[in-house]
Amino acid sequence: MEKKMNLQYFAENVNVTTDSGLSVENKTFYDRALLEEASPNLIHMQFGQKRPIPKNGGKRIEFRRYAALPKATQPLTEGVTPDGRKMTAASVEAEVRQYGDYVCLSDVLDLTAIDNNVLEATRAVGHQAGLTLDTITRNVLQSGTNVYYCPKIGTDGKTTAVSDRSQLDGTCVLTVDVVKKIAAMLKASNAPKFGGDYVCILHPYVAYDIMSDPRWEEMHKYCKPENQFEGEIGRIAGVRFIETSEAAVYTGSENDCPTGLAVFGCLFIANGAYGVTEVTGGGLQTIIKQLGSAGTADPLNQRSTVGWKALQTAEILQQAYMYRVECCSAFSPNAKMN
C-alpha cells in the first residue's frame, strides 16, 4: 500500500543558513517550523517519482521510463534456452530551476513585538514555499495531452458529449460515471496503481459535487491512518480522491472558459505518470540573517531577514498514465482562478 508523502524527502535536504550567532538547536527548530508549514501544501508533488541530483551534478536530471515487454506467446522448445529480450528505455530530461523569497524584519519590530517574529516569519515563508513548489508541479501536470470534458446532463438525465472547454456548462459536473470511465481508460493503458487504486487531485468545490453520491466511501472505512495520502478525503470506483484548494481553477474568455463560469482541472493519476526532483542540499533551504549580519550594507543593524530557496522541476513521463478531467461545479459562478 502506497503511503502518504514522506516528509523526510524534504527533511533530508533542508538546510538552515545563518550567521554563527544562531545555535544549532535554534537552527533545527526553525527548520522544523518551515517544514511543518510547507509540507501540507505539497499535494501535487507526492505522487511523482523522486529523482534527486547529487550536489554539483549540474542543472539537468534524466528520468528513464522503460517500455513494456511484448507477450511471449511462442512455446518453449524442450532443452533450448530462448534468446531472451533486452529492456528498452527512453530518457526524459528536465532542468531544475531555483525559486525563493524572503521577508525583512526591523529592529524596532523585533524589540517591541510580543510574538517571536523570526518564528512567525519562518512559518509564513514556509507556507509560501509549499504553495510555490506545489503550483510549479501542478502547472506542469495540467499541461498533459489527455483531456476529458465532463458531458452535459439534460433534465431527462441524458448526456451530451463535450469536446471543448468553452462548451462546458453548469450541468457538466464530475460524476461517478465519469470517474469509472477514466479509471477504465487508465486500466486499458495498463497504467499501474498506487496500492490498488488510482488517485485524483481535485478542488474542494468539485469534491462537494461527487461526495454527495451514495457510493462515496469515507477514508477511514478503507484506509489506515498511516496509509493515507496527504489531503485524502475518500474513494469511489477504485479512485482515491485528494482534495486541495490549489487544484487548478480556470476563469475568463482568455482561458476559453464559458461566460460567467469557472472550470476545474481534476488530475487522474497512475503510478509513474510523472517525476519530480531536487538538488541534494538545495531541495529546500531556510535562510535566516540576523541583525548585524549585513555589515556595512546595514550600518545601524536595523534589518534581519528570513527566507527560503529551493531547486525543483517536474516532468510528465507517461502521458497515458494521466488524464485531466475538466468540469464545472455548483460553485462555478463564484470561483476564482488560482
Protein backbone atom coordinates (compact mmCIF):
# COMPACT_ATOMS: atom_id res chain seq x y z
CA MET A 1 0.00 0.00 0.00
CA GLU A 2 1.37 3.37 -1.01
CA LYS A 3 1.70 5.72 1.94
CA LYS A 4 1.25 9.45 2.02
CA MET A 5 4.22 11.62 1.21
CA ASN A 6 7.25 11.04 3.41
CA LEU A 7 8.34 14.41 4.77
CA GLN A 8 11.90 13.10 5.05
CA TYR A 9 12.04 13.65 1.29
CA PHE A 10 12.50 17.30 2.15
CA ALA A 11 13.85 16.99 5.68
CA GLU A 12 17.00 15.24 4.47
CA ASN A 13 17.68 18.07 2.05
CA VAL A 14 16.78 21.14 4.07
CA ASN A 15 19.48 23.45 5.34
CA VAL A 16 19.19 26.43 7.64
CA THR A 17 21.76 29.01 6.56
CA THR A 18 22.54 31.61 9.21
CA ASP A 19 25.44 33.51 10.64
CA SER A 20 27.28 31.98 13.58
CA GLY A 21 25.14 33.69 16.20
CA LEU A 22 22.27 31.19 15.95
CA SER A 23 22.59 27.97 17.95
CA VAL A 24 22.29 24.51 16.44
CA GLU A 25 19.12 23.94 18.48
CA ASN A 26 17.54 27.09 17.08
CA LYS A 27 18.53 26.16 13.55
CA THR A 28 16.80 22.79 13.95
CA PHE A 29 13.76 24.43 15.50
CA TYR A 30 13.27 26.94 12.68
CA ASP A 31 13.98 24.29 10.07
CA ARG A 32 11.21 22.11 11.51
CA ALA A 33 8.82 25.09 11.62
CA LEU A 34 9.35 25.72 7.90
CA LEU A 35 8.76 22.06 7.06
CA GLU A 36 5.57 21.91 9.09
CA GLU A 37 4.18 24.84 7.13
CA ALA A 38 5.40 23.76 3.70
CA SER A 39 4.62 20.04 3.71
CA PRO A 40 0.77 20.09 3.83
CA ASN A 41 0.79 22.18 0.65
CA LEU A 42 2.92 19.79 -1.40
CA ILE A 43 -0.12 17.84 -2.62
CA HIS A 44 0.82 17.65 -6.29
CA MET A 45 4.38 16.54 -5.58
CA GLN A 46 3.58 13.46 -3.53
CA PHE A 47 2.70 11.14 -6.44
CA GLY A 48 5.75 11.84 -8.60
CA GLN A 49 8.81 9.63 -8.95
CA LYS A 50 11.57 11.22 -6.88
CA ARG A 51 14.92 11.72 -8.63
CA PRO A 52 17.49 13.66 -6.57
CA ILE A 53 20.55 15.13 -8.29
CA PRO A 54 23.91 14.84 -6.49
CA LYS A 55 25.28 18.15 -5.32
CA ASN A 56 27.40 19.79 -8.05
CA GLY A 57 25.83 17.37 -10.51
CA GLY A 58 24.59 20.02 -12.90
CA LYS A 59 21.20 21.54 -13.55
CA ARG A 60 19.70 18.71 -15.59
CA ILE A 61 18.12 15.47 -14.45
CA GLU A 62 17.36 12.42 -16.57
CA PHE A 63 14.24 10.43 -15.88
CA ARG A 64 14.04 6.99 -17.50
CA ARG A 65 10.90 5.15 -18.49
CA TYR A 66 11.02 1.52 -19.56
CA ALA A 67 8.89 0.08 -22.36
CA ALA A 68 6.72 -2.94 -21.60
CA LEU A 69 7.91 -6.28 -22.93
CA PRO A 70 5.86 -7.90 -25.72
CA LYS A 71 3.87 -11.02 -24.99
CA ALA A 72 5.85 -14.26 -25.08
CA THR A 73 3.33 -16.38 -26.99
CA GLN A 74 5.85 -18.70 -28.66
CA PRO A 75 6.05 -22.08 -26.84
CA LEU A 76 9.43 -23.02 -25.42
CA THR A 77 11.38 -25.82 -27.09
CA GLU A 78 12.41 -28.54 -24.67
CA GLY A 79 16.07 -28.18 -23.72
CA VAL A 80 16.54 -24.98 -25.72
CA THR A 81 17.16 -21.71 -23.92
CA PRO A 82 15.35 -18.84 -25.65
CA ASP A 83 17.23 -15.73 -26.70
CA GLY A 84 15.53 -13.53 -24.14
CA ARG A 85 14.97 -9.81 -24.55
CA LYS A 86 16.62 -6.57 -23.57
CA MET A 87 14.91 -3.83 -21.66
CA THR A 88 14.42 -0.70 -23.73
CA ALA A 89 14.39 2.65 -22.01
CA ALA A 90 13.57 6.17 -23.15
CA SER A 91 15.02 9.12 -21.30
CA VAL A 92 13.27 12.37 -20.45
CA GLU A 93 15.45 15.29 -19.43
CA ALA A 94 14.40 18.23 -17.31
CA GLU A 95 16.21 21.27 -15.98
CA VAL A 96 15.95 22.24 -12.33
CA ARG A 97 15.33 25.89 -11.56
CA GLN A 98 15.73 27.88 -8.38
CA TYR A 99 12.90 29.63 -6.57
CA GLY A 100 12.78 31.61 -3.35
CA ASP A 101 11.72 34.68 -1.40
CA TYR A 102 12.30 36.38 1.95
CA VAL A 103 10.82 38.86 4.41
CA CYS A 104 12.56 41.68 6.26
CA LEU A 105 12.22 42.25 10.00
CA SER A 106 13.15 45.59 11.52
CA ASP A 107 14.99 46.04 14.81
CA VAL A 108 12.07 48.08 16.14
CA LEU A 109 9.62 45.28 15.41
CA ASP A 110 11.98 42.78 16.99
CA LEU A 111 12.23 44.84 20.19
CA THR A 112 8.53 45.69 20.59
CA ALA A 113 6.58 42.70 19.27
CA ILE A 114 5.17 40.15 21.71
CA ASP A 115 5.36 37.21 19.29
CA ASN A 116 8.52 35.51 18.16
CA ASN A 117 8.89 37.34 14.87
CA VAL A 118 11.51 35.00 13.44
CA LEU A 119 9.26 32.02 14.11
CA GLU A 120 6.22 33.72 12.61
CA ALA A 121 8.26 34.77 9.58
CA THR A 122 9.58 31.22 9.19
CA ARG A 123 6.05 29.88 9.21
CA ALA A 124 4.95 32.48 6.68
CA VAL A 125 7.75 31.77 4.21
CA GLY A 126 7.33 28.02 4.78
CA HIS A 127 3.69 28.27 3.78
CA GLN A 128 4.69 30.33 0.75
CA ALA A 129 7.39 27.81 -0.21
CA GLY A 130 4.98 24.89 -0.09
CA LEU A 131 2.38 26.66 -2.22
CA THR A 132 5.01 27.82 -4.71
CA LEU A 133 6.64 24.42 -5.26
CA ASP A 134 3.25 22.71 -5.45
CA THR A 135 1.95 25.19 -8.03
CA ILE A 136 5.03 24.71 -10.21
CA THR A 137 4.37 20.97 -10.27
CA ARG A 138 0.62 21.43 -10.76
CA ASN A 139 1.11 23.62 -13.82
CA VAL A 140 3.31 21.00 -15.46
CA LEU A 141 0.74 18.28 -14.81
CA GLN A 142 -2.10 20.43 -16.11
CA SER A 143 -0.30 20.64 -19.46
CA GLY A 144 -0.84 16.92 -20.12
CA THR A 145 -2.25 15.95 -23.51
CA ASN A 146 -5.02 13.59 -22.32
CA VAL A 147 -8.06 15.74 -21.63
CA TYR A 148 -11.64 14.66 -20.98
CA TYR A 149 -14.55 17.11 -20.68
CA CYS A 150 -17.47 16.16 -18.46
CA PRO A 151 -20.63 15.80 -20.56
CA LYS A 152 -23.71 17.96 -20.32
CA ILE A 153 -26.58 16.40 -18.38
CA GLY A 154 -30.10 17.11 -19.60
CA THR A 155 -33.21 17.35 -17.46
CA ASP A 156 -34.09 13.83 -18.60
CA GLY A 157 -30.72 12.53 -17.40
CA LYS A 158 -29.32 12.00 -20.88
CA THR A 159 -25.75 13.14 -21.51
CA THR A 160 -24.29 15.09 -24.41
CA ALA A 161 -20.57 14.86 -25.14
CA VAL A 162 -18.43 17.99 -24.85
CA SER A 163 -15.30 18.43 -26.95
CA ASP A 164 -14.04 21.82 -25.84
CA ARG A 165 -13.68 23.78 -22.60
CA SER A 166 -15.83 26.63 -23.92
CA GLN A 167 -18.76 24.23 -24.42
CA LEU A 168 -18.99 23.30 -20.73
CA ASP A 169 -21.98 24.49 -18.75
CA GLY A 170 -23.30 24.24 -15.21
CA THR A 171 -24.51 20.67 -15.74
CA CYS A 172 -21.02 19.42 -16.65
CA VAL A 173 -20.07 18.19 -13.20
CA LEU A 174 -17.85 15.31 -12.13
CA THR A 175 -19.94 12.16 -11.67
CA VAL A 176 -19.26 8.58 -10.71
CA ASP A 177 -19.85 7.53 -14.31
CA VAL A 178 -17.06 9.87 -15.43
CA VAL A 179 -14.75 8.53 -12.71
CA LYS A 180 -15.44 4.95 -13.82
CA LYS A 181 -14.77 5.87 -17.43
CA ILE A 182 -11.40 7.49 -16.67
CA ALA A 183 -10.41 4.55 -14.46
CA ALA A 184 -11.29 2.19 -17.31
CA MET A 185 -9.12 4.16 -19.74
CA LEU A 186 -6.18 4.05 -17.33
CA LYS A 187 -6.66 0.30 -16.90
CA ALA A 188 -6.77 -0.14 -20.67
CA SER A 189 -3.35 1.54 -20.83
CA ASN A 190 -2.07 -0.93 -18.21
CA ALA A 191 -1.31 2.04 -16.00
CA PRO A 192 -0.01 0.84 -12.61
CA LYS A 193 -1.92 1.79 -9.47
CA PHE A 194 -0.96 3.18 -6.09
CA GLY A 195 -1.61 0.12 -3.96
CA GLY A 196 -4.89 -0.97 -5.52
CA ASP A 197 -6.26 2.36 -6.70
CA TYR A 198 -5.66 5.36 -8.90
CA VAL A 199 -5.72 8.86 -7.43
CA CYS A 200 -7.48 12.06 -8.37
CA ILE A 201 -6.43 15.54 -7.22
CA LEU A 202 -9.45 17.83 -7.19
CA HIS A 203 -10.71 21.13 -5.81
CA PRO A 204 -12.99 21.21 -2.72
CA TYR A 205 -15.77 22.62 -4.88
CA VAL A 206 -15.62 19.58 -7.15
CA ALA A 207 -15.34 17.28 -4.14
CA TYR A 208 -18.63 18.75 -2.91
CA ASP A 209 -20.37 17.52 -6.06
CA ILE A 210 -19.08 13.95 -6.02
CA MET A 211 -19.20 13.35 -2.25
CA SER A 212 -23.00 13.52 -2.35
CA ASP A 213 -23.13 10.24 -4.26
CA PRO A 214 -24.19 7.31 -2.00
CA ARG A 215 -21.33 5.21 -3.39
CA TRP A 216 -18.79 7.53 -1.80
CA GLU A 217 -16.52 5.81 0.76
CA GLU A 218 -15.20 7.81 3.69
CA MET A 219 -11.44 7.47 4.09
CA HIS A 220 -11.49 5.77 7.49
CA LYS A 221 -13.60 2.90 6.11
CA TYR A 222 -10.94 1.56 3.75
CA CYS A 223 -7.59 3.04 4.78
CA LYS A 224 -5.48 3.05 7.93
CA PRO A 225 -4.20 6.47 9.01
CA GLU A 226 -0.59 5.52 8.29
CA ASN A 227 -1.50 4.65 4.69
CA GLN A 228 -3.41 7.84 3.91
CA PHE A 229 -2.17 10.31 1.36
CA GLU A 230 -1.78 13.96 2.27
CA GLY A 231 -5.15 15.58 1.60
CA GLU A 232 -7.04 12.31 1.05
CA ILE A 233 -10.79 12.52 1.68
CA GLY A 234 -12.35 9.35 0.27
CA ARG A 235 -12.70 6.83 -2.54
CA ILE A 236 -15.15 5.87 -5.24
CA ALA A 237 -14.97 3.40 -8.15
CA GLY A 238 -11.35 2.47 -7.40
CA VAL A 239 -10.11 6.07 -7.31
CA ARG A 240 -8.83 7.76 -4.15
CA PHE A 241 -9.57 11.48 -4.02
CA ILE A 242 -7.07 14.08 -2.83
CA GLU A 243 -8.54 17.47 -2.01
CA THR A 244 -6.65 20.75 -2.26
CA SER A 245 -7.66 24.36 -2.82
CA GLU A 246 -4.64 24.56 -5.14
CA ALA A 247 -6.19 22.24 -7.73
CA ALA A 248 -6.37 24.25 -10.95
CA VAL A 249 -9.24 26.68 -11.48
CA TYR A 250 -9.62 28.46 -14.83
CA THR A 251 -11.75 31.54 -15.49
CA GLY A 252 -12.28 34.09 -18.24
CA SER A 253 -12.51 34.09 -22.01
CA GLU A 254 -8.71 34.22 -22.29
CA ASN A 255 -8.73 30.67 -20.91
CA ASP A 256 -11.60 29.62 -23.20
CA CYS A 257 -13.96 29.29 -20.24
CA PRO A 258 -17.73 29.60 -20.69
CA THR A 259 -19.09 33.02 -19.82
CA GLY A 260 -19.50 33.52 -16.08
CA LEU A 261 -18.35 30.02 -15.12
CA ALA A 262 -15.09 28.73 -13.66
CA VAL A 263 -13.68 25.44 -14.96
CA PHE A 264 -11.85 22.98 -12.73
CA GLY A 265 -8.98 20.75 -13.83
CA CYS A 266 -9.11 17.40 -12.00
CA LEU A 267 -5.97 15.25 -12.33
CA PHE A 268 -6.43 11.47 -12.51
CA ILE A 269 -3.02 9.93 -11.95
CA ALA A 270 -1.48 6.47 -12.18
CA ASN A 271 1.80 5.39 -10.62
CA GLY A 272 4.78 6.50 -12.71
CA ALA A 273 2.95 9.27 -14.58
CA TYR A 274 5.44 11.99 -13.73
CA GLY A 275 8.67 12.76 -11.94
CA VAL A 276 9.90 15.47 -9.59
CA THR A 277 13.41 16.14 -8.42
CA GLU A 278 15.67 18.40 -6.41
CA VAL A 279 19.37 19.04 -5.89
CA THR A 280 20.71 17.38 -2.75
CA GLY A 281 21.44 20.05 -0.16
CA GLY A 282 19.38 22.60 -2.06
CA GLY A 283 15.97 20.96 -2.11
CA LEU A 284 14.58 23.45 0.35
CA GLN A 285 16.64 25.85 2.41
CA THR A 286 15.66 28.09 5.29
CA ILE A 287 17.90 31.16 5.34
CA ILE A 288 17.98 33.40 8.42
CA LYS A 289 20.16 36.51 8.57
CA GLN A 290 20.33 38.17 11.96
CA LEU A 291 20.66 41.85 12.83
CA GLY A 292 24.18 42.98 12.04
CA SER A 293 24.96 40.19 9.62
CA ALA A 294 24.90 42.52 6.59
CA GLY A 295 27.95 44.51 7.68
CA THR A 296 28.26 47.93 6.04
CA ALA A 297 25.10 47.24 3.98
CA ASP A 298 23.18 47.66 7.24
CA PRO A 299 25.38 50.05 9.28
CA LEU A 300 22.85 50.61 12.07
CA ASN A 301 21.85 46.94 12.47
CA GLN A 302 18.26 47.71 11.55
CA ARG A 303 17.33 44.70 9.47
CA SER A 304 17.17 40.92 9.73
CA THR A 305 15.69 38.57 7.14
CA VAL A 306 14.02 35.17 6.99
CA GLY A 307 13.80 33.45 3.63
CA TRP A 308 13.77 30.24 1.65
CA LYS A 309 15.05 28.92 -1.65
CA ALA A 310 14.63 25.65 -3.49
CA LEU A 311 15.71 23.85 -6.65
CA GLN A 312 12.92 21.94 -8.32
CA THR A 313 11.47 20.61 -11.54
CA ALA A 314 8.63 18.34 -12.65
CA GLU A 315 8.21 16.38 -15.85
CA ILE A 316 5.45 14.18 -17.30
CA LEU A 317 6.92 10.74 -18.02
CA GLN A 318 3.93 8.77 -19.30
CA GLN A 319 1.11 10.75 -20.90
CA ALA A 320 -1.08 7.62 -20.99
CA TYR A 321 -0.89 7.37 -17.21
CA MET A 322 -2.67 10.66 -16.55
CA TYR A 323 -5.89 12.42 -17.53
CA ARG A 324 -7.04 15.97 -16.92
CA VAL A 325 -10.80 15.95 -16.47
CA GLU A 326 -12.34 19.40 -16.87
CA CYS A 327 -15.71 20.18 -15.32
CA CYS A 328 -17.86 22.83 -13.75
CA SER A 329 -19.36 22.82 -10.27
CA ALA A 330 -22.21 24.24 -8.26
CA PHE A 331 -19.63 26.86 -7.20
CA SER A 332 -18.50 27.75 -10.74
CA PRO A 333 -20.29 31.14 -10.88
CA ASN A 334 -18.25 32.46 -7.94
CA ALA A 335 -14.97 30.52 -8.03
CA LYS A 336 -11.73 32.44 -8.52
CA MET A 337 -8.77 31.49 -10.68
CA ASN A 338 -5.68 30.31 -8.79
